[in-house]
PDB file of N, CA and C in Angstrom:
ATOM      1  N   MET A   1      20.915  10.218  15.423  1.00  0.00           N
ATOM      2  CA  MET A   1      19.656   9.508  15.242  1.00  0.00           C
ATOM      3  C   MET A   1      18.474  10.404  15.624  1.00  0.00           C
ATOM      4  N   LYS A   2      18.603  11.124  16.737  1.00  0.00           N
ATOM      5  CA  LYS A   2      17.524  12.012  17.171  1.00  0.00           C
ATOM      6  C   LYS A   2      17.289  13.117  16.152  1.00  0.00           C
ATOM      7  N   LYS A   3      18.360  13.614  15.563  1.00  0.00           N
ATOM      8  CA  LYS A   3      18.241  14.672  14.565  1.00  0.00           C
ATOM      9  C   LYS A   3      17.500  14.159  13.332  1.00  0.00           C
ATOM     10  N   LEU A   4      17.798  12.939  12.911  1.00  0.00           N
ATOM     11  CA  LEU A   4      17.139  12.343  11.767  1.00  0.00           C
ATOM     12  C   LEU A   4      15.646  12.130  12.055  1.00  0.00           C
ATOM     13  N   LEU A   5      15.321  11.652  13.242  1.00  0.00           N
ATOM     14  CA  LEU A   5      13.926  11.446  13.632  1.00  0.00           C
ATOM     15  C   LEU A   5      13.179  12.775  13.657  1.00  0.00           C
ATOM     16  N   PHE A   6      13.804  13.811  14.190  1.00  0.00           N
ATOM     17  CA  PHE A   6      13.197  15.139  14.236  1.00  0.00           C
ATOM     18  C   PHE A   6      12.897  15.643  12.831  1.00  0.00           C
ATOM     19  N   LEU A   7      13.845  15.478  11.904  1.00  0.00           N
ATOM     20  CA  LEU A   7      13.644  15.917  10.523  1.00  0.00           C
ATOM     21  C   LEU A   7      12.514  15.152   9.852  1.00  0.00           C
ATOM     22  N   PHE A   8      12.421  13.853  10.130  1.00  0.00           N
ATOM     23  CA  PHE A   8      11.346  13.052   9.563  1.00  0.00           C
ATOM     24  C   PHE A   8       9.988  13.530  10.083  1.00  0.00           C
ATOM     25  N   ILE A   9       9.881  13.762  11.369  1.00  0.00           N
ATOM     26  CA  ILE A   9       8.634  14.248  11.971  1.00  0.00           C
ATOM     27  C   ILE A   9       8.280  15.617  11.420  1.00  0.00           C
ATOM     28  N   LEU A  10       9.263  16.492  11.302  1.00  0.00           N
ATOM     29  CA  LEU A  10       9.033  17.829  10.764  1.00  0.00           C
ATOM     30  C   LEU A  10       8.562  17.748   9.318  1.00  0.00           C
ATOM     31  N   PHE A  11       9.202  16.919   8.511  1.00  0.00           N
ATOM     32  CA  PHE A  11       8.825  16.746   7.110  1.00  0.00           C
ATOM     33  C   PHE A  11       7.420  16.145   7.006  1.00  0.00           C
ATOM     34  N   SER A  12       7.120  15.133   7.815  1.00  0.00           N
ATOM     35  CA  SER A  12       5.797  14.510   7.811  1.00  0.00           C
ATOM     36  C   SER A  12       4.719  15.511   8.189  1.00  0.00           C
ATOM     37  N   SER A  13       4.995  16.353   9.154  1.00  0.00           N
ATOM     38  CA  SER A  13       4.027  17.375   9.576  1.00  0.00           C
ATOM     39  C   SER A  13       3.771  18.360   8.446  1.00  0.00           C
ATOM     40  N   PHE A  14       4.817  18.712   7.703  1.00  0.00           N
ATOM     41  CA  PHE A  14       4.666  19.638   6.583  1.00  0.00           C
ATOM     42  C   PHE A  14       3.778  19.032   5.509  1.00  0.00           C
ATOM     43  N   ILE A  15       4.004  17.757   5.185  1.00  0.00           N
ATOM     44  CA  ILE A  15       3.185  17.085   4.169  1.00  0.00           C
ATOM     45  C   ILE A  15       1.731  17.053   4.610  1.00  0.00           C
ATOM     46  N   ASP A  16       1.474  16.636   5.841  1.00  0.00           N
ATOM     47  CA  ASP A  16       0.102  16.570   6.339  1.00  0.00           C
ATOM     48  C   ASP A  16      -0.549  17.938   6.339  1.00  0.00           C
ATOM     49  N   ALA A  17       0.193  18.953   6.764  1.00  0.00           N
ATOM     50  CA  ALA A  17      -0.354  20.305   6.813  1.00  0.00           C
ATOM     51  C   ALA A  17      -0.678  20.791   5.406  1.00  0.00           C
ATOM     52  N   ASN A  18       0.192  20.500   4.441  1.00  0.00           N
ATOM     53  CA  ASN A  18      -0.029  20.917   3.074  1.00  0.00           C
ATOM     54  C   ASN A  18      -1.270  20.230   2.499  1.00  0.00           C
ATOM     55  N   GLU A  19      -1.390  18.926   2.720  1.00  0.00           N
ATOM     56  CA  GLU A  19      -2.560  18.183   2.241  1.00  0.00           C
ATOM     57  C   GLU A  19      -3.825  18.703   2.919  1.00  0.00           C
ATOM     58  N   LYS A  20      -3.728  18.962   4.203  1.00  0.00           N
ATOM     59  CA  LYS A  20      -4.880  19.460   4.961  1.00  0.00           C
ATOM     60  C   LYS A  20      -5.306  20.839   4.453  1.00  0.00           C
ATOM     61  N   TYR A  21      -4.350  21.698   4.183  1.00  0.00           N
ATOM     62  CA  TYR A  21      -4.657  23.037   3.671  1.00  0.00           C
ATOM     63  C   TYR A  21      -5.326  22.958   2.298  1.00  0.00           C
ATOM     64  N   ILE A  22      -4.770  22.125   1.427  1.00  0.00           N
ATOM     65  CA  ILE A  22      -5.342  21.960   0.088  1.00  0.00           C
ATOM     66  C   ILE A  22      -6.763  21.409   0.201  1.00  0.00           C
ATOM     67  N   ASN A  23      -6.946  20.412   1.067  1.00  0.00           N
ATOM     68  CA  ASN A  23      -8.265  19.829   1.274  1.00  0.00           C
ATOM     69  C   ASN A  23      -9.264  20.889   1.744  1.00  0.00           C
ATOM     70  N   GLN A  24      -8.897  21.635   2.762  1.00  0.00           N
ATOM     71  CA  GLN A  24      -9.816  22.640   3.310  1.00  0.00           C
ATOM     72  C   GLN A  24     -10.150  23.709   2.280  1.00  0.00           C
ATOM     73  N   SER A  25      -9.169  24.156   1.530  1.00  0.00           N
ATOM     74  CA  SER A  25      -9.403  25.184   0.507  1.00  0.00           C
ATOM     75  C   SER A  25     -10.313  24.668  -0.594  1.00  0.00           C
ATOM     76  N   TRP A  26     -10.002  23.469  -1.113  1.00  0.00           N
ATOM     77  CA  TRP A  26     -10.799  22.892  -2.188  1.00  0.00           C
ATOM     78  C   TRP A  26     -12.217  22.599  -1.707  1.00  0.00           C
ATOM     79  N   CYS A  27     -12.319  22.030  -0.529  1.00  0.00           N
ATOM     80  CA  CYS A  27     -13.611  21.653   0.027  1.00  0.00           C
ATOM     81  C   CYS A  27     -14.492  22.886   0.235  1.00  0.00           C
ATOM     82  N   SER A  28     -13.928  23.913   0.800  1.00  0.00           N
ATOM     83  CA  SER A  28     -14.669  25.156   1.020  1.00  0.00           C
ATOM     84  C   SER A  28     -15.135  25.757  -0.304  1.00  0.00           C
ATOM     85  N   ALA A  29     -14.258  25.763  -1.297  1.00  0.00           N
ATOM     86  CA  ALA A  29     -14.597  26.319  -2.605  1.00  0.00           C
ATOM     87  C   ALA A  29     -15.695  25.520  -3.305  1.00  0.00           C
ATOM     88  N   ASN A  30     -15.862  24.251  -2.905  1.00  0.00           N
ATOM     89  CA  ASN A  30     -16.875  23.398  -3.516  1.00  0.00           C
ATOM     90  C   ASN A  30     -18.080  23.165  -2.602  1.00  0.00           C
ATOM     91  N   GLY A  31     -18.211  23.997  -1.588  1.00  0.00           N
ATOM     92  CA  GLY A  31     -19.378  23.942  -0.706  1.00  0.00           C
ATOM     93  C   GLY A  31     -19.462  22.701   0.159  1.00  0.00           C
ATOM     94  N   GLY A  32     -18.309  22.099   0.453  1.00  0.00           N
ATOM     95  CA  GLY A  32     -18.299  20.864   1.235  1.00  0.00           C
ATOM     96  C   GLY A  32     -17.977  21.067   2.698  1.00  0.00           C
ATOM     97  N   VAL A  33     -18.019  19.960   3.427  1.00  0.00           N
ATOM     98  CA  VAL A  33     -17.680  19.922   4.843  1.00  0.00           C
ATOM     99  C   VAL A  33     -16.396  19.120   4.988  1.00  0.00           C
ATOM    100  N   SER A  34     -15.369  19.735   5.567  1.00  0.00           N
ATOM    101  CA  SER A  34     -14.089  19.045   5.772  1.00  0.00           C
ATOM    102  C   SER A  34     -14.170  18.135   6.989  1.00  0.00           C
ATOM    103  N   GLU A  35     -13.487  17.005   6.887  1.00  0.00           N
ATOM    104  CA  GLU A  35     -13.362  16.056   7.996  1.00  0.00           C
ATOM    105  C   GLU A  35     -14.717  15.638   8.560  1.00  0.00           C
ATOM    106  N   TYR A  36     -15.621  15.235   7.691  1.00  0.00           N
ATOM    107  CA  TYR A  36     -16.948  14.780   8.092  1.00  0.00           C
ATOM    108  C   TYR A  36     -16.842  13.395   8.726  1.00  0.00           C
ATOM    109  N   ARG A  37     -17.379  13.248   9.935  1.00  0.00           N
ATOM    110  CA  ARG A  37     -17.309  11.965  10.653  1.00  0.00           C
ATOM    111  C   ARG A  37     -18.460  11.061  10.210  1.00  0.00           C
ATOM    112  N   THR A  38     -18.115   9.836   9.797  1.00  0.00           N
ATOM    113  CA  THR A  38     -19.123   8.884   9.339  1.00  0.00           C
ATOM    114  C   THR A  38     -19.701   8.099  10.513  1.00  0.00           C
ATOM    115  N   LYS A  39     -20.716   7.295  10.215  1.00  0.00           N
ATOM    116  CA  LYS A  39     -21.332   6.449  11.238  1.00  0.00           C
ATOM    117  C   LYS A  39     -20.363   5.386  11.765  1.00  0.00           C
ATOM    118  N   TYR A  40     -19.271   5.142  11.042  1.00  0.00           N
ATOM    119  CA  TYR A  40     -18.256   4.180  11.465  1.00  0.00           C
ATOM    120  C   TYR A  40     -17.140   4.822  12.281  1.00  0.00           C
ATOM    121  N   GLY A  41     -17.194   6.138  12.411  1.00  0.00           N
ATOM    122  CA  GLY A  41     -16.141   6.844  13.136  1.00  0.00           C
ATOM    123  C   GLY A  41     -14.957   7.200  12.268  1.00  0.00           C
ATOM    124  N   THR A  42     -15.056   6.978  10.962  1.00  0.00           N
ATOM    125  CA  THR A  42     -14.001   7.371  10.037  1.00  0.00           C
ATOM    126  C   THR A  42     -14.300   8.783   9.545  1.00  0.00           C
ATOM    127  N   TYR A  43     -13.316   9.413   8.934  1.00  0.00           N
ATOM    128  CA  TYR A  43     -13.471  10.797   8.513  1.00  0.00           C
ATOM    129  C   TYR A  43     -13.295  10.963   7.006  1.00  0.00           C
ATOM    130  N   VAL A  44     -14.328  11.510   6.376  1.00  0.00           N
ATOM    131  CA  VAL A  44     -14.266  11.840   4.956  1.00  0.00           C
ATOM    132  C   VAL A  44     -13.514  13.161   4.845  1.00  0.00           C
ATOM    133  N   ASP A  45     -12.527  13.227   3.959  1.00  0.00           N
ATOM    134  CA  ASP A  45     -11.774  14.470   3.810  1.00  0.00           C
ATOM    135  C   ASP A  45     -12.683  15.628   3.434  1.00  0.00           C
ATOM    136  N   CYS A  46     -13.608  15.398   2.501  1.00  0.00           N
ATOM    137  CA  CYS A  46     -14.548  16.444   2.094  1.00  0.00           C
ATOM    138  C   CYS A  46     -15.865  15.816   1.670  1.00  0.00           C
ATOM    139  N   LEU A  47     -16.932  16.233   2.293  1.00  0.00           N
ATOM    140  CA  LEU A  47     -18.258  15.747   1.935  1.00  0.00           C
ATOM    141  C   LEU A  47     -19.023  16.890   1.290  1.00  0.00           C
ATOM    142  N   THR A  48     -19.366  16.702   0.012  1.00  0.00           N
ATOM    143  CA  THR A  48     -20.151  17.710  -0.705  1.00  0.00           C
ATOM    144  C   THR A  48     -21.583  17.187  -0.843  1.00  0.00           C
ATOM    145  N   GLU A  49     -22.413  17.961  -1.473  1.00  0.00           N
ATOM    146  CA  GLU A  49     -23.798  17.540  -1.672  1.00  0.00           C
ATOM    147  C   GLU A  49     -23.876  16.231  -2.469  1.00  0.00           C
ATOM    148  N   GLU A  50     -22.927  16.037  -3.384  1.00  0.00           N
ATOM    149  CA  GLU A  50     -22.960  14.865  -4.258  1.00  0.00           C
ATOM    150  C   GLU A  50     -21.893  13.817  -3.951  1.00  0.00           C
ATOM    151  N   TYR A  51     -20.727  14.246  -3.444  1.00  0.00           N
ATOM    152  CA  TYR A  51     -19.580  13.352  -3.339  1.00  0.00           C
ATOM    153  C   TYR A  51     -19.015  13.208  -1.926  1.00  0.00           C
ATOM    154  N   ALA A  52     -18.470  12.005  -1.680  1.00  0.00           N
ATOM    155  CA  ALA A  52     -17.603  11.758  -0.532  1.00  0.00           C
ATOM    156  C   ALA A  52     -16.195  11.717  -1.122  1.00  0.00           C
ATOM    157  N   VAL A  53     -15.386  12.721  -0.802  1.00  0.00           N
ATOM    158  CA  VAL A  53     -14.105  12.918  -1.479  1.00  0.00           C
ATOM    159  C   VAL A  53     -12.930  12.563  -0.569  1.00  0.00           C
ATOM    160  N   GLU A  54     -12.077  11.691  -1.071  1.00  0.00           N
ATOM    161  CA  GLU A  54     -10.800  11.376  -0.427  1.00  0.00           C
ATOM    162  C   GLU A  54      -9.743  12.230  -1.106  1.00  0.00           C
ATOM    163  N   VAL A  55      -8.909  12.889  -0.315  1.00  0.00           N
ATOM    164  CA  VAL A  55      -7.859  13.752  -0.848  1.00  0.00           C
ATOM    165  C   VAL A  55      -6.512  13.063  -0.636  1.00  0.00           C
ATOM    166  N   GLU A  56      -5.761  12.900  -1.718  1.00  0.00           N
ATOM    167  CA  GLU A  56      -4.459  12.235  -1.640  1.00  0.00           C
ATOM    168  C   GLU A  56      -3.479  12.845  -2.624  1.00  0.00           C
ATOM    169  N   PHE A  57      -2.197  12.761  -2.273  1.00  0.00           N
ATOM    170  CA  PHE A  57      -1.154  13.097  -3.227  1.00  0.00           C
ATOM    171  C   PHE A  57      -1.146  12.030  -4.318  1.00  0.00           C
ATOM    172  N   ASP A  58      -0.687  12.398  -5.480  1.00  0.00           N
ATOM    173  CA  ASP A  58      -0.741  11.511  -6.644  1.00  0.00           C
ATOM    174  C   ASP A  58      -0.136  10.135  -6.400  1.00  0.00           C
ATOM    175  N   TYR A  59       0.959  10.049  -5.680  1.00  0.00           N
ATOM    176  CA  TYR A  59       1.624   8.764  -5.474  1.00  0.00           C
ATOM    177  C   TYR A  59       0.839   7.835  -4.548  1.00  0.00           C
ATOM    178  N   ASN A  60      -0.193   8.336  -3.853  1.00  0.00           N
ATOM    179  CA  ASN A  60      -1.027   7.522  -2.964  1.00  0.00           C
ATOM    180  C   ASN A  60      -2.370   7.155  -3.593  1.00  0.00           C
ATOM    181  N   TRP A  61      -2.465   7.187  -4.903  1.00  0.00           N
ATOM    182  CA  TRP A  61      -3.742   6.941  -5.563  1.00  0.00           C
ATOM    183  C   TRP A  61      -4.320   5.579  -5.223  1.00  0.00           C
ATOM    184  N   LYS A  62      -3.467   4.582  -5.014  1.00  0.00           N
ATOM    185  CA  LYS A  62      -3.953   3.222  -4.743  1.00  0.00           C
ATOM    186  C   LYS A  62      -4.756   3.159  -3.449  1.00  0.00           C
ATOM    187  N   GLU A  63      -4.288   3.842  -2.422  1.00  0.00           N
ATOM    188  CA  GLU A  63      -4.992   3.855  -1.145  1.00  0.00           C
ATOM    189  C   GLU A  63      -6.326   4.589  -1.241  1.00  0.00           C
ATOM    190  N   SER A  64      -6.379   5.560  -2.119  1.00  0.00           N
ATOM    191  CA  SER A  64      -7.582   6.386  -2.227  1.00  0.00           C
ATOM    192  C   SER A  64      -8.786   5.622  -2.775  1.00  0.00           C
ATOM    193  N   ILE A  65      -8.549   4.555  -3.520  1.00  0.00           N
ATOM    194  CA  ILE A  65      -9.655   3.784  -4.093  1.00  0.00           C
ATOM    195  C   ILE A  65     -10.535   3.199  -2.989  1.00  0.00           C
ATOM    196  N   GLY A  66      -9.928   2.469  -2.095  1.00  0.00           N
ATOM    197  CA  GLY A  66     -10.689   1.844  -1.004  1.00  0.00           C
ATOM    198  C   GLY A  66     -11.341   2.862  -0.091  1.00  0.00           C
ATOM    199  N   GLN A  67     -10.601   3.903   0.233  1.00  0.00           N
ATOM    200  CA  GLN A  67     -11.151   4.916   1.123  1.00  0.00           C
ATOM    201  C   GLN A  67     -12.348   5.621   0.498  1.00  0.00           C
ATOM    202  N   SER A  68     -12.249   5.978  -0.776  1.00  0.00           N
ATOM    203  CA  SER A  68     -13.359   6.689  -1.411  1.00  0.00           C
ATOM    204  C   SER A  68     -14.607   5.811  -1.489  1.00  0.00           C
ATOM    205  N   LEU A  69     -14.427   4.525  -1.780  1.00  0.00           N
ATOM    206  CA  LEU A  69     -15.570   3.620  -1.832  1.00  0.00           C
ATOM    207  C   LEU A  69     -16.196   3.437  -0.451  1.00  0.00           C
ATOM    208  N   HIS A  70     -15.356   3.312   0.563  1.00  0.00           N
ATOM    209  CA  HIS A  70     -15.866   3.179   1.939  1.00  0.00           C
ATOM    210  C   HIS A  70     -16.644   4.431   2.354  1.00  0.00           C
ATOM    211  N   TYR A  71     -16.089   5.606   2.096  1.00  0.00           N
ATOM    212  CA  TYR A  71     -16.756   6.849   2.484  1.00  0.00           C
ATOM    213  C   TYR A  71     -18.072   7.039   1.734  1.00  0.00           C
ATOM    214  N   ALA A  72     -18.106   6.624   0.486  1.00  0.00           N
ATOM    215  CA  ALA A  72     -19.338   6.727  -0.300  1.00  0.00           C
ATOM    216  C   ALA A  72     -20.422   5.839   0.311  1.00  0.00           C
ATOM    217  N   GLU A  73     -20.048   4.625   0.674  1.00  0.00           N
ATOM    218  CA  GLU A  73     -21.019   3.721   1.298  1.00  0.00           C
ATOM    219  C   GLU A  73     -21.502   4.285   2.633  1.00  0.00           C
ATOM    220  N   ALA A  74     -20.577   4.823   3.406  1.00  0.00           N
ATOM    221  CA  ALA A  74     -20.914   5.324   4.745  1.00  0.00           C
ATOM    222  C   ALA A  74     -21.788   6.571   4.721  1.00  0.00           C
ATOM    223  N   THR A  75     -21.752   7.312   3.625  1.00  0.00           N
ATOM    224  CA  THR A  75     -22.487   8.589   3.557  1.00  0.00           C
ATOM    225  C   THR A  75     -23.604   8.598   2.514  1.00  0.00           C
ATOM    226  N   ASN A  76     -23.713   7.509   1.756  1.00  0.00           N
ATOM    227  CA  ASN A  76     -24.687   7.420   0.672  1.00  0.00           C
ATOM    228  C   ASN A  76     -24.472   8.511  -0.380  1.00  0.00           C
ATOM    229  N   LYS A  77     -23.197   8.811  -0.629  1.00  0.00           N
ATOM    230  CA  LYS A  77     -22.796   9.773  -1.668  1.00  0.00           C
ATOM    231  C   LYS A  77     -22.024   9.032  -2.745  1.00  0.00           C
ATOM    232  N   ARG A  78     -21.674   9.726  -3.800  1.00  0.00           N
ATOM    233  CA  ARG A  78     -20.858   9.136  -4.861  1.00  0.00           C
ATOM    234  C   ARG A  78     -19.379   9.207  -4.462  1.00  0.00           C
ATOM    235  N   PRO A  79     -18.581   8.172  -4.775  1.00  0.00           N
ATOM    236  CA  PRO A  79     -17.159   8.202  -4.419  1.00  0.00           C
ATOM    237  C   PRO A  79     -16.365   9.112  -5.353  1.00  0.00           C
ATOM    238  N   ALA A  80     -15.430   9.841  -4.764  1.00  0.00           N
ATOM    239  CA  ALA A  80     -14.555  10.715  -5.546  1.00  0.00           C
ATOM    240  C   ALA A  80     -13.201  10.814  -4.863  1.00  0.00           C
ATOM    241  N   VAL A  81     -12.205  11.137  -5.672  1.00  0.00           N
ATOM    242  CA  VAL A  81     -10.852  11.348  -5.165  1.00  0.00           C
ATOM    243  C   VAL A  81     -10.345  12.662  -5.734  1.00  0.00           C
ATOM    244  N   LEU A  82      -9.809  13.494  -4.861  1.00  0.00           N
ATOM    245  CA  LEU A  82      -9.095  14.701  -5.279  1.00  0.00           C
ATOM    246  C   LEU A  82      -7.619  14.355  -5.252  1.00  0.00           C
ATOM    247  N   ILE A  83      -7.013  14.271  -6.420  1.00  0.00           N
ATOM    248  CA  ILE A  83      -5.590  13.965  -6.528  1.00  0.00           C
ATOM    249  C   ILE A  83      -4.807  15.270  -6.531  1.00  0.00           C
ATOM    250  N   ILE A  84      -3.848  15.348  -5.631  1.00  0.00           N
ATOM    251  CA  ILE A  84      -2.945  16.500  -5.592  1.00  0.00           C
ATOM    252  C   ILE A  84      -1.727  16.124  -6.422  1.00  0.00           C
ATOM    253  N   LYS A  85      -1.632  16.714  -7.586  1.00  0.00           N
ATOM    254  CA  LYS A  85      -0.535  16.419  -8.512  1.00  0.00           C
ATOM    255  C   LYS A  85       0.697  17.222  -8.074  1.00  0.00           C
ATOM    256  N   ARG A  86       1.724  16.507  -7.649  1.00  0.00           N
ATOM    257  CA  ARG A  86       2.941  17.158  -7.166  1.00  0.00           C
ATOM    258  C   ARG A  86       3.803  17.611  -8.334  1.00  0.00           C
ATOM    259  N   THR A  87       4.395  18.774  -8.197  1.00  0.00           N
ATOM    260  CA  THR A  87       5.268  19.298  -9.250  1.00  0.00           C
ATOM    261  C   THR A  87       6.524  18.439  -9.402  1.00  0.00           C
ATOM    262  N   LYS A  88       6.965  17.815  -8.326  1.00  0.00           N
ATOM    263  CA  LYS A  88       8.194  17.023  -8.391  1.00  0.00           C
ATOM    264  C   LYS A  88       7.962  15.565  -8.804  1.00  0.00           C
ATOM    265  N   SER A  89       6.721  15.175  -9.078  1.00  0.00           N
ATOM    266  CA  SER A  89       6.453  13.809  -9.529  1.00  0.00           C
ATOM    267  C   SER A  89       7.104  13.575 -10.883  1.00  0.00           C
ATOM    268  N   LYS A  90       7.827  12.476 -10.977  1.00  0.00           N
ATOM    269  CA  LYS A  90       8.490  12.128 -12.231  1.00  0.00           C
ATOM    270  C   LYS A  90       7.632  11.187 -13.065  1.00  0.00           C
ATOM    271  N   LYS A  91       6.508  10.799 -12.527  1.00  0.00           N
ATOM    272  CA  LYS A  91       5.639   9.822 -13.156  1.00  0.00           C
ATOM    273  C   LYS A  91       4.228  10.399 -13.182  1.00  0.00           C
ATOM    274  N   ASP A  92       3.467  10.065 -14.212  1.00  0.00           N
ATOM    275  CA  ASP A  92       2.078  10.498 -14.273  1.00  0.00           C
ATOM    276  C   ASP A  92       1.209   9.396 -13.670  1.00  0.00           C
ATOM    277  N   TYR A  93       0.931   9.525 -12.396  1.00  0.00           N
ATOM    278  CA  TYR A  93       0.166   8.514 -11.681  1.00  0.00           C
ATOM    279  C   TYR A  93      -1.291   8.450 -12.136  1.00  0.00           C
ATOM    280  N   LEU A  94      -1.768   9.513 -12.737  1.00  0.00           N
ATOM    281  CA  LEU A  94      -3.156   9.529 -13.188  1.00  0.00           C
ATOM    282  C   LEU A  94      -3.433   8.502 -14.283  1.00  0.00           C
ATOM    283  N   VAL A  95      -2.423   8.189 -15.076  1.00  0.00           N
ATOM    284  CA  VAL A  95      -2.588   7.180 -16.119  1.00  0.00           C
ATOM    285  C   VAL A  95      -2.928   5.837 -15.471  1.00  0.00           C
ATOM    286  N   GLU A  96      -2.165   5.432 -14.476  1.00  0.00           N
ATOM    287  CA  GLU A  96      -2.414   4.167 -13.781  1.00  0.00           C
ATOM    288  C   GLU A  96      -3.768   4.187 -13.075  1.00  0.00           C
ATOM    289  N   PHE A  97      -4.068   5.292 -12.427  1.00  0.00           N
ATOM    290  CA  PHE A  97      -5.332   5.429 -11.709  1.00  0.00           C
ATOM    291  C   PHE A  97      -6.507   5.275 -12.676  1.00  0.00           C
ATOM    292  N   ASN A  98      -6.473   6.002 -13.773  1.00  0.00           N
ATOM    293  CA  ASN A  98      -7.549   5.932 -14.757  1.00  0.00           C
ATOM    294  C   ASN A  98      -7.671   4.543 -15.380  1.00  0.00           C
ATOM    295  N   GLN A  99      -6.549   3.886 -15.642  1.00  0.00           N
ATOM    296  CA  GLN A  99      -6.590   2.533 -16.206  1.00  0.00           C
ATOM    297  C   GLN A  99      -7.258   1.557 -15.239  1.00  0.00           C
ATOM    298  N   THR A 100      -6.964   1.695 -13.963  1.00  0.00           N
ATOM    299  CA  THR A 100      -7.569   0.818 -12.951  1.00  0.00           C
ATOM    300  C   THR A 100      -9.066   1.064 -12.851  1.00  0.00           C
ATOM    301  N   ILE A 101      -9.459   2.314 -12.830  1.00  0.00           N
ATOM    302  CA  ILE A 101     -10.889   2.650 -12.772  1.00  0.00           C
ATOM    303  C   ILE A 101     -11.609   2.094 -14.003  1.00  0.00           C
ATOM    304  N   TYR A 102     -11.010   2.260 -15.162  1.00  0.00           N
ATOM    305  CA  TYR A 102     -11.621   1.791 -16.406  1.00  0.00           C
ATOM    306  C   TYR A 102     -11.728   0.263 -16.440  1.00  0.00           C
ATOM    307  N   LYS A 103     -10.626  -0.421 -16.115  1.00  0.00           N
ATOM    308  CA  LYS A 103     -10.603  -1.883 -16.192  1.00  0.00           C
ATOM    309  C   LYS A 103     -11.648  -2.531 -15.302  1.00  0.00           C
ATOM    310  N   PHE A 104     -11.833  -1.986 -14.108  1.00  0.00           N
ATOM    311  CA  PHE A 104     -12.765  -2.587 -13.157  1.00  0.00           C
ATOM    312  C   PHE A 104     -14.101  -1.841 -13.078  1.00  0.00           C
ATOM    313  N   ASN A 105     -14.288  -0.879 -13.986  1.00  0.00           N
ATOM    314  CA  ASN A 105     -15.539  -0.133 -14.059  1.00  0.00           C
ATOM    315  C   ASN A 105     -15.931   0.456 -12.697  1.00  0.00           C
ATOM    316  N   LEU A 106     -14.960   1.056 -12.034  1.00  0.00           N
ATOM    317  CA  LEU A 106     -15.204   1.641 -10.711  1.00  0.00           C
ATOM    318  C   LEU A 106     -15.940   2.973 -10.854  1.00  0.00           C
ATOM    319  N   PRO A 107     -16.891   3.237  -9.979  1.00  0.00           N
ATOM    320  CA  PRO A 107     -17.706   4.452 -10.087  1.00  0.00           C
ATOM    321  C   PRO A 107     -17.066   5.676  -9.435  1.00  0.00           C
ATOM    322  N   ILE A 108     -15.755   5.784  -9.496  1.00  0.00           N
ATOM    323  CA  ILE A 108     -15.029   6.854  -8.798  1.00  0.00           C
ATOM    324  C   ILE A 108     -14.776   8.031  -9.729  1.00  0.00           C
ATOM    325  N   THR A 109     -15.158   9.213  -9.272  1.00  0.00           N
ATOM    326  CA  THR A 109     -14.861  10.452  -9.994  1.00  0.00           C
ATOM    327  C   THR A 109     -13.520  10.974  -9.518  1.00  0.00           C
ATOM    328  N   ILE A 110     -12.693  11.422 -10.454  1.00  0.00           N
ATOM    329  CA  ILE A 110     -11.381  11.972 -10.096  1.00  0.00           C
ATOM    330  C   ILE A 110     -11.376  13.472 -10.347  1.00  0.00           C
ATOM    331  N   PHE A 111     -10.969  14.211  -9.327  1.00  0.00           N
ATOM    332  CA  PHE A 111     -10.693  15.635  -9.449  1.00  0.00           C
ATOM    333  C   PHE A 111      -9.187  15.788  -9.318  1.00  0.00           C
ATOM    334  N   VAL A 112      -8.619  16.753 -10.024  1.00  0.00           N
ATOM    335  CA  VAL A 112      -7.165  16.946  -9.980  1.00  0.00           C
ATOM    336  C   VAL A 112      -6.867  18.400  -9.664  1.00  0.00           C
ATOM    337  N   ILE A 113      -5.896  18.589  -8.781  1.00  0.00           N
ATOM    338  CA  ILE A 113      -5.414  19.924  -8.460  1.00  0.00           C
ATOM    339  C   ILE A 113      -3.896  19.874  -8.431  1.00  0.00           C
ATOM    340  N   ASN A 114      -3.251  20.924  -8.885  1.00  0.00           N
ATOM    341  CA  ASN A 114      -1.794  20.969  -8.822  1.00  0.00           C
ATOM    342  C   ASN A 114      -1.348  21.485  -7.470  1.00  0.00           C
ATOM    343  N   GLU A 115      -0.259  20.920  -6.989  1.00  0.00           N
ATOM    344  CA  GLU A 115       0.298  21.310  -5.689  1.00  0.00           C
ATOM    345  C   GLU A 115       0.735  22.748  -5.710  1.00  0.00           C
TER     346      GLU A 115
END
């Protein structure tokens, strides 16, 4: 049991580190500030001159909607999501994401980067 827990923690740390690295690289390349603290004490993954960007792996697109809208309100920026498209994804999550944005006329900009 301890070995399984250790592997889960190690795997989770790798995922977080990978997402964090991608966020920092993308944010820096786009002139943004990583981990910007809002007036609510929440953290925007990347704040650029125009956008409050939530960074998520493709399979977490649903969570990114609420976070991006919250960060946009908190910073008076436009909401955006940077989707990290995983090579091992068997499904194109962007189709669902785009359909949801279109159906509800959400003002969210999507950026895509490959893992």
